[in-house]
Amino acid sequence: MDIQKIGNYIKCKRKAQGLTQAELAGLLGITNKAVSKWENGKSLPDLSLHEKLCDALHITLNELVAGQDIESTQLPEASEQNMKTMLGSCQHLRSLKDVCIGLLLLFIGRLMPSMQLKHMTSDASQFIFGVSEGVSIGITLIGIAWLIFGAVKFSQKEE
């Protein structure tokens, strides 16, 4: 999705409706700063706002996603392209989620040893320490693998 194109489209449609950023924000129950971020290409509207935003700007969801007016004769092709774009974005988010999970597991795996009581001297406590050290190493290795898997998926999307 071209975030700049969508932002410019929202801005043009808002102005065509004679609305200020504050007025559009009021209709949507958000701040005018959020509208400004959309229009400047810094973020996209939350999915929960798409229907209200389209109603307020008198546009279709396809037009919002495409960032341009769509003629009725172009609708099938535009819909297909928008669907592909949205599916690509979902795949991109899944890859990013995998990277985040890998980082979280890596963090937990490295944090565990610092939380263990190493000064205990009984055989049982030494056994528990050894088991928890093994679990910590296992979680760290899983985190590294998950991080690599997510990074590979993420980089494949970029190509």
Protein backbone atom coordinates (compact mmCIF):
# COMPACT_ATOMS: atom_id res chain seq x y z
CA MET A 1 0.00 0.00 0.00
CA ASP A 2 1.23 3.46 -0.85
CA ILE A 3 0.76 5.29 2.44
CA GLN A 4 1.59 8.68 0.90
CA LYS A 5 -0.94 8.20 -1.90
CA ILE A 6 -3.66 7.16 0.54
CA GLY A 7 -2.86 10.14 2.77
CA ASN A 8 -3.08 12.58 -0.14
CA TYR A 9 -6.35 10.98 -1.25
CA ILE A 10 -7.87 11.37 2.22
CA LYS A 11 -6.75 15.01 2.26
CA CYS A 12 -8.26 15.75 -1.17
CA LYS A 13 -11.54 14.05 -0.32
CA ARG A 14 -11.74 15.80 3.07
CA LYS A 15 -11.25 19.17 1.42
CA ALA A 16 -13.76 18.29 -1.32
CA GLN A 17 -16.33 17.67 1.44
CA GLY A 18 -15.47 21.04 2.97
CA LEU A 19 -14.24 19.50 6.20
CA THR A 20 -11.34 20.56 8.37
CA GLN A 21 -9.11 17.96 9.97
CA ALA A 22 -10.80 18.71 13.30
CA GLU A 23 -14.28 18.26 11.83
CA LEU A 24 -13.37 14.94 10.21
CA ALA A 25 -11.75 13.82 13.45
CA GLY A 26 -14.93 14.77 15.34
CA LEU A 27 -17.05 12.66 12.98
CA LEU A 28 -14.76 9.69 13.59
CA GLY A 29 -14.29 10.19 17.33
CA ILE A 30 -10.52 10.67 17.10
CA THR A 31 -8.06 13.56 17.35
CA ASN A 32 -7.19 15.89 14.50
CA LYS A 33 -3.55 14.82 15.02
CA ALA A 34 -4.49 11.33 13.83
CA VAL A 35 -6.02 12.78 10.66
CA SER A 36 -2.90 14.87 10.16
CA LYS A 37 -0.71 11.76 10.46
CA TRP A 38 -2.78 10.01 7.78
CA GLU A 39 -2.63 12.97 5.44
CA ASN A 40 1.12 13.35 5.89
CA GLY A 41 1.71 9.66 5.17
CA LYS A 42 2.95 8.85 8.68
CA SER A 43 0.27 6.29 9.46
CA LEU A 44 -2.89 4.69 8.12
CA PRO A 45 -6.36 4.81 9.64
CA ASP A 46 -7.18 2.01 12.04
CA LEU A 47 -9.21 -0.75 10.41
CA SER A 48 -12.09 -0.04 12.79
CA LEU A 49 -12.39 3.46 11.26
CA HIS A 50 -12.39 2.53 7.57
CA GLU A 51 -16.16 2.25 7.19
CA LYS A 52 -16.88 5.53 9.03
CA LEU A 53 -14.09 7.29 7.12
CA CYS A 54 -15.40 6.09 3.77
CA ASP A 55 -18.92 7.23 4.69
CA ALA A 56 -17.65 10.64 5.80
CA LEU A 57 -15.64 11.14 2.61
CA HIS A 58 -18.26 9.54 0.31
CA ILE A 59 -15.81 7.02 -1.08
CA THR A 60 -15.64 3.23 -1.26
CA LEU A 61 -13.26 1.02 0.66
CA ASN A 62 -11.61 0.08 -2.63
CA GLU A 63 -10.95 3.74 -3.36
CA LEU A 64 -9.51 4.28 0.11
CA VAL A 65 -7.13 1.32 -0.21
CA ALA A 66 -6.15 2.32 -3.75
CA GLY A 67 -5.74 5.97 -2.78
CA GLN A 68 -7.63 7.15 -5.85
CA ASP A 69 -11.09 7.36 -7.42
CA ILE A 70 -12.10 4.20 -9.23
CA GLU A 71 -14.41 4.19 -12.21
CA SER A 72 -17.08 1.48 -12.22
CA THR A 73 -15.49 -0.08 -15.31
CA GLN A 74 -12.21 -0.46 -13.44
CA LEU A 75 -13.78 -1.88 -10.29
CA PRO A 76 -13.06 -5.61 -10.87
CA GLU A 77 -9.36 -5.01 -11.58
CA ALA A 78 -9.01 -2.49 -8.77
CA SER A 79 -10.74 -4.84 -6.31
CA GLU A 80 -8.42 -7.68 -7.29
CA GLN A 81 -5.34 -5.48 -6.91
CA ASN A 82 -6.54 -4.15 -3.55
CA MET A 83 -7.14 -7.70 -2.32
CA LYS A 84 -3.61 -8.70 -3.32
CA THR A 85 -2.23 -5.62 -1.59
CA MET A 86 -4.13 -6.36 1.61
CA LEU A 87 -3.06 -10.02 1.61
CA GLY A 88 0.54 -8.92 1.11
CA SER A 89 0.22 -6.56 4.06
CA CYS A 90 -1.16 -9.38 6.21
CA GLN A 91 1.78 -11.60 5.26
CA HIS A 92 4.17 -8.76 6.07
CA LEU A 93 2.58 -8.39 9.53
CA ARG A 94 2.83 -12.13 10.16
CA SER A 95 6.54 -12.01 9.34
CA LEU A 96 6.98 -9.07 11.67
CA LYS A 97 5.10 -10.97 14.39
CA ASP A 98 7.53 -13.89 14.00
CA VAL A 99 10.49 -11.54 14.40
CA CYS A 100 8.93 -10.11 17.58
CA ILE A 101 8.25 -13.58 19.02
CA GLY A 102 11.85 -14.57 18.33
CA LEU A 103 13.13 -11.46 20.10
CA LEU A 104 10.83 -12.09 23.06
CA LEU A 105 11.99 -15.71 23.42
CA LEU A 106 15.60 -14.61 23.12
CA PHE A 107 15.04 -12.02 25.85
CA ILE A 108 13.30 -14.52 28.15
CA GLY A 109 15.99 -17.13 27.56
CA ARG A 110 18.74 -14.68 28.46
CA LEU A 111 16.82 -13.24 31.42
CA MET A 112 16.22 -16.61 33.12
CA PRO A 113 19.81 -17.21 34.29
CA SER A 114 19.89 -13.86 36.08
CA MET A 115 16.82 -14.87 38.09
CA GLN A 116 18.25 -18.16 39.34
CA LEU A 117 19.59 -18.59 42.84
CA LYS A 118 23.14 -19.81 42.22
CA HIS A 119 24.28 -19.68 45.85
CA MET A 120 22.19 -22.68 46.95
CA THR A 121 24.42 -25.65 47.74
CA SER A 122 22.12 -28.63 48.21
CA ASP A 123 22.05 -31.34 45.58
CA ALA A 124 18.37 -30.70 44.83
CA SER A 125 18.92 -26.99 44.30
CA GLN A 126 21.94 -27.68 42.09
CA PHE A 127 19.80 -30.09 40.03
CA ILE A 128 17.04 -27.49 39.68
CA PHE A 129 19.63 -24.89 38.72
CA GLY A 130 21.01 -27.23 36.03
CA VAL A 131 17.56 -27.98 34.64
CA SER A 132 16.60 -24.30 34.55
CA GLU A 133 19.92 -23.47 32.86
CA GLY A 134 19.13 -26.08 30.21
CA VAL A 135 15.63 -24.67 29.73
CA SER A 136 17.13 -21.20 29.43
CA ILE A 137 19.53 -22.36 26.72
CA GLY A 138 16.69 -24.16 24.94
CA ILE A 139 14.46 -21.08 24.98
CA THR A 140 17.35 -18.97 23.72
CA LEU A 141 18.01 -21.37 20.83
CA ILE A 142 14.32 -21.49 19.93
CA GLY A 143 14.25 -17.69 20.04
CA ILE A 144 17.24 -17.47 17.70
CA ALA A 145 15.65 -19.95 15.27
CA TRP A 146 12.31 -18.14 15.38
CA LEU A 147 14.05 -14.81 14.85
CA ILE A 148 15.95 -16.13 11.82
CA PHE A 149 12.76 -17.69 10.42
CA GLY A 150 10.87 -14.41 10.83
CA ALA A 151 13.73 -12.35 9.39
CA VAL A 152 13.92 -14.60 6.30
CA LYS A 153 10.16 -14.31 5.74
CA PHE A 154 10.34 -10.56 6.32
CA SER A 155 13.21 -10.09 3.84
CA GLN A 156 11.47 -12.21 1.20
CA LYS A 157 8.49 -9.83 1.31
CA GLU A 158 10.79 -6.87 0.72
CA GLU A 159 12.18 -8.36 -2.52
